[in-house]
Amino acid sequence: MYQKKSDRDPVGAVVTALVGAGAATSFAVARGQSPWVAMGITVFAASIALLCDRFGWL
């Protein structure tokens, strides 16, 4: 009935989010986006992934 909280490593969730967001934002930088905006997007995505992993969302 209730979902069991995952026992995954939070560092793994952050690394996965950084790699995924980094791949997408590196493409955006290649197309002319500011590298600072891309870094902000990457850090934001990693933060959201860590929150989702920590609280069992999604």
N, C-alpha and C. Protein backbone atom coordinates (compact mmCIF):
# COMPACT_ATOMS: atom_id res chain seq x y z
N MET A 1 0.82 -1.18 0.00
CA MET A 1 0.00 0.00 0.00
C MET A 1 0.87 1.26 0.00
N TYR A 2 1.86 1.31 0.85
CA TYR A 2 2.76 2.45 0.90
C TYR A 2 4.06 2.08 0.21
N GLN A 3 4.64 3.07 -0.44
CA GLN A 3 5.91 2.81 -1.10
C GLN A 3 7.02 2.80 -0.07
N LYS A 4 7.88 1.82 -0.18
CA LYS A 4 9.02 1.74 0.72
C LYS A 4 10.03 2.81 0.33
N LYS A 5 10.58 3.49 1.32
CA LYS A 5 11.59 4.50 1.04
C LYS A 5 12.83 3.82 0.47
N SER A 6 13.37 4.41 -0.56
CA SER A 6 14.51 3.79 -1.22
C SER A 6 15.75 3.89 -0.34
N ASP A 7 16.61 2.92 -0.48
CA ASP A 7 17.87 2.91 0.26
C ASP A 7 19.02 3.36 -0.63
N ARG A 8 18.71 4.10 -1.66
CA ARG A 8 19.75 4.56 -2.57
C ARG A 8 20.64 5.60 -1.90
N ASP A 9 21.82 5.68 -2.41
CA ASP A 9 22.79 6.65 -1.92
C ASP A 9 22.44 8.03 -2.47
N PRO A 10 22.32 9.07 -1.62
CA PRO A 10 21.98 10.40 -2.14
C PRO A 10 23.07 10.96 -3.06
N VAL A 11 24.30 10.55 -2.84
CA VAL A 11 25.38 11.02 -3.72
C VAL A 11 25.16 10.48 -5.13
N GLY A 12 24.68 9.25 -5.22
CA GLY A 12 24.39 8.67 -6.54
C GLY A 12 23.29 9.44 -7.26
N ALA A 13 22.28 9.88 -6.52
CA ALA A 13 21.21 10.67 -7.13
C ALA A 13 21.73 12.00 -7.64
N VAL A 14 22.60 12.63 -6.87
CA VAL A 14 23.15 13.92 -7.29
C VAL A 14 24.05 13.75 -8.51
N VAL A 15 24.90 12.73 -8.49
CA VAL A 15 25.79 12.49 -9.62
C VAL A 15 24.99 12.20 -10.89
N THR A 16 23.96 11.39 -10.77
CA THR A 16 23.12 11.08 -11.92
C THR A 16 22.45 12.34 -12.46
N ALA A 17 21.95 13.18 -11.57
CA ALA A 17 21.31 14.43 -12.00
C ALA A 17 22.33 15.37 -12.65
N LEU A 18 23.52 15.44 -12.08
CA LEU A 18 24.55 16.32 -12.65
C LEU A 18 24.96 15.86 -14.05
N VAL A 19 25.09 14.57 -14.22
CA VAL A 19 25.48 14.05 -15.54
C VAL A 19 24.38 14.31 -16.56
N GLY A 20 23.13 14.03 -16.17
CA GLY A 20 22.02 14.25 -17.10
C GLY A 20 21.82 15.71 -17.45
N ALA A 21 21.79 16.55 -16.43
CA ALA A 21 21.60 17.98 -16.69
C ALA A 21 22.83 18.58 -17.37
N GLY A 22 24.00 18.09 -17.02
CA GLY A 22 25.22 18.58 -17.66
C GLY A 22 25.26 18.28 -19.14
N ALA A 23 24.76 17.11 -19.52
CA ALA A 23 24.73 16.76 -20.94
C ALA A 23 23.79 17.69 -21.71
N ALA A 24 22.62 17.96 -21.12
CA ALA A 24 21.67 18.84 -21.78
C ALA A 24 22.17 20.28 -21.84
N THR A 25 22.75 20.76 -20.76
CA THR A 25 23.21 22.15 -20.74
C THR A 25 24.48 22.34 -21.56
N SER A 26 25.30 21.30 -21.70
CA SER A 26 26.48 21.45 -22.56
C SER A 26 26.06 21.63 -24.01
N PHE A 27 24.97 20.98 -24.39
CA PHE A 27 24.43 21.21 -25.73
C PHE A 27 23.94 22.65 -25.86
N ALA A 28 23.29 23.17 -24.82
CA ALA A 28 22.80 24.54 -24.86
C ALA A 28 23.95 25.54 -24.92
N VAL A 29 25.04 25.26 -24.21
CA VAL A 29 26.21 26.15 -24.27
C VAL A 29 26.81 26.13 -25.67
N ALA A 30 26.84 24.96 -26.27
CA ALA A 30 27.36 24.86 -27.64
C ALA A 30 26.51 25.67 -28.61
N ARG A 31 25.23 25.85 -28.28
CA ARG A 31 24.34 26.62 -29.15
C ARG A 31 24.33 28.11 -28.80
N GLY A 32 25.12 28.52 -27.78
CA GLY A 32 25.25 29.94 -27.49
C GLY A 32 24.74 30.42 -26.15
N GLN A 33 24.25 29.52 -25.30
CA GLN A 33 23.77 29.93 -23.98
C GLN A 33 24.96 30.26 -23.08
N SER A 34 24.73 31.13 -22.12
CA SER A 34 25.78 31.50 -21.16
C SER A 34 26.17 30.29 -20.31
N PRO A 35 27.48 30.06 -20.13
CA PRO A 35 27.91 28.95 -19.28
C PRO A 35 27.44 29.09 -17.84
N TRP A 36 27.30 30.30 -17.33
CA TRP A 36 26.84 30.51 -15.96
C TRP A 36 25.38 30.10 -15.79
N VAL A 37 24.57 30.41 -16.79
CA VAL A 37 23.17 29.98 -16.75
C VAL A 37 23.11 28.45 -16.81
N ALA A 38 23.94 27.86 -17.63
CA ALA A 38 23.98 26.40 -17.74
C ALA A 38 24.39 25.76 -16.41
N MET A 39 25.36 26.34 -15.73
CA MET A 39 25.78 25.82 -14.43
C MET A 39 24.66 25.95 -13.41
N GLY A 40 23.94 27.06 -13.46
CA GLY A 40 22.80 27.25 -12.56
C GLY A 40 21.71 26.22 -12.80
N ILE A 41 21.43 25.93 -14.05
CA ILE A 41 20.43 24.92 -14.38
C ILE A 41 20.88 23.55 -13.88
N THR A 42 22.15 23.24 -14.05
CA THR A 42 22.68 21.95 -13.62
C THR A 42 22.59 21.80 -12.10
N VAL A 43 22.97 22.82 -11.37
CA VAL A 43 22.92 22.77 -9.91
C VAL A 43 21.47 22.69 -9.42
N PHE A 44 20.59 23.43 -10.06
CA PHE A 44 19.17 23.39 -9.70
C PHE A 44 18.59 21.99 -9.92
N ALA A 45 18.92 21.38 -11.05
CA ALA A 45 18.42 20.04 -11.34
C ALA A 45 18.95 19.02 -10.34
N ALA A 46 20.21 19.16 -9.96
CA ALA A 46 20.78 18.25 -8.97
C ALA A 46 20.11 18.44 -7.61
N SER A 47 19.80 19.66 -7.25
CA SER A 47 19.12 19.93 -5.97
C SER A 47 17.73 19.32 -5.95
N ILE A 48 16.99 19.47 -7.02
CA ILE A 48 15.66 18.89 -7.10
C ILE A 48 15.74 17.37 -7.06
N ALA A 49 16.70 16.79 -7.74
CA ALA A 49 16.86 15.33 -7.72
C ALA A 49 17.19 14.83 -6.32
N LEU A 50 18.01 15.57 -5.60
CA LEU A 50 18.35 15.18 -4.23
C LEU A 50 17.12 15.26 -3.33
N LEU A 51 16.32 16.30 -3.48
CA LEU A 51 15.08 16.42 -2.69
C LEU A 51 14.11 15.29 -3.00
N CYS A 52 13.95 14.99 -4.29
CA CYS A 52 13.05 13.90 -4.68
C CYS A 52 13.54 12.57 -4.12
N ASP A 53 14.83 12.34 -4.16
CA ASP A 53 15.37 11.10 -3.63
C ASP A 53 15.23 11.03 -2.12
N ARG A 54 15.48 12.12 -1.45
CA ARG A 54 15.46 12.15 0.00
C ARG A 54 14.05 11.96 0.58
N PHE A 55 13.07 12.59 -0.05
CA PHE A 55 11.71 12.54 0.47
C PHE A 55 10.83 11.50 -0.22
N GLY A 56 11.38 10.77 -1.17
CA GLY A 56 10.66 9.69 -1.83
C GLY A 56 9.64 10.14 -2.84
N TRP A 57 9.80 11.34 -3.38
CA TRP A 57 8.89 11.83 -4.40
C TRP A 57 9.28 11.19 -5.72
N LEU A 58 8.31 10.97 -6.57
CA LEU A 58 8.48 10.39 -7.90
C LEU A 58 9.01 9.04 -7.83
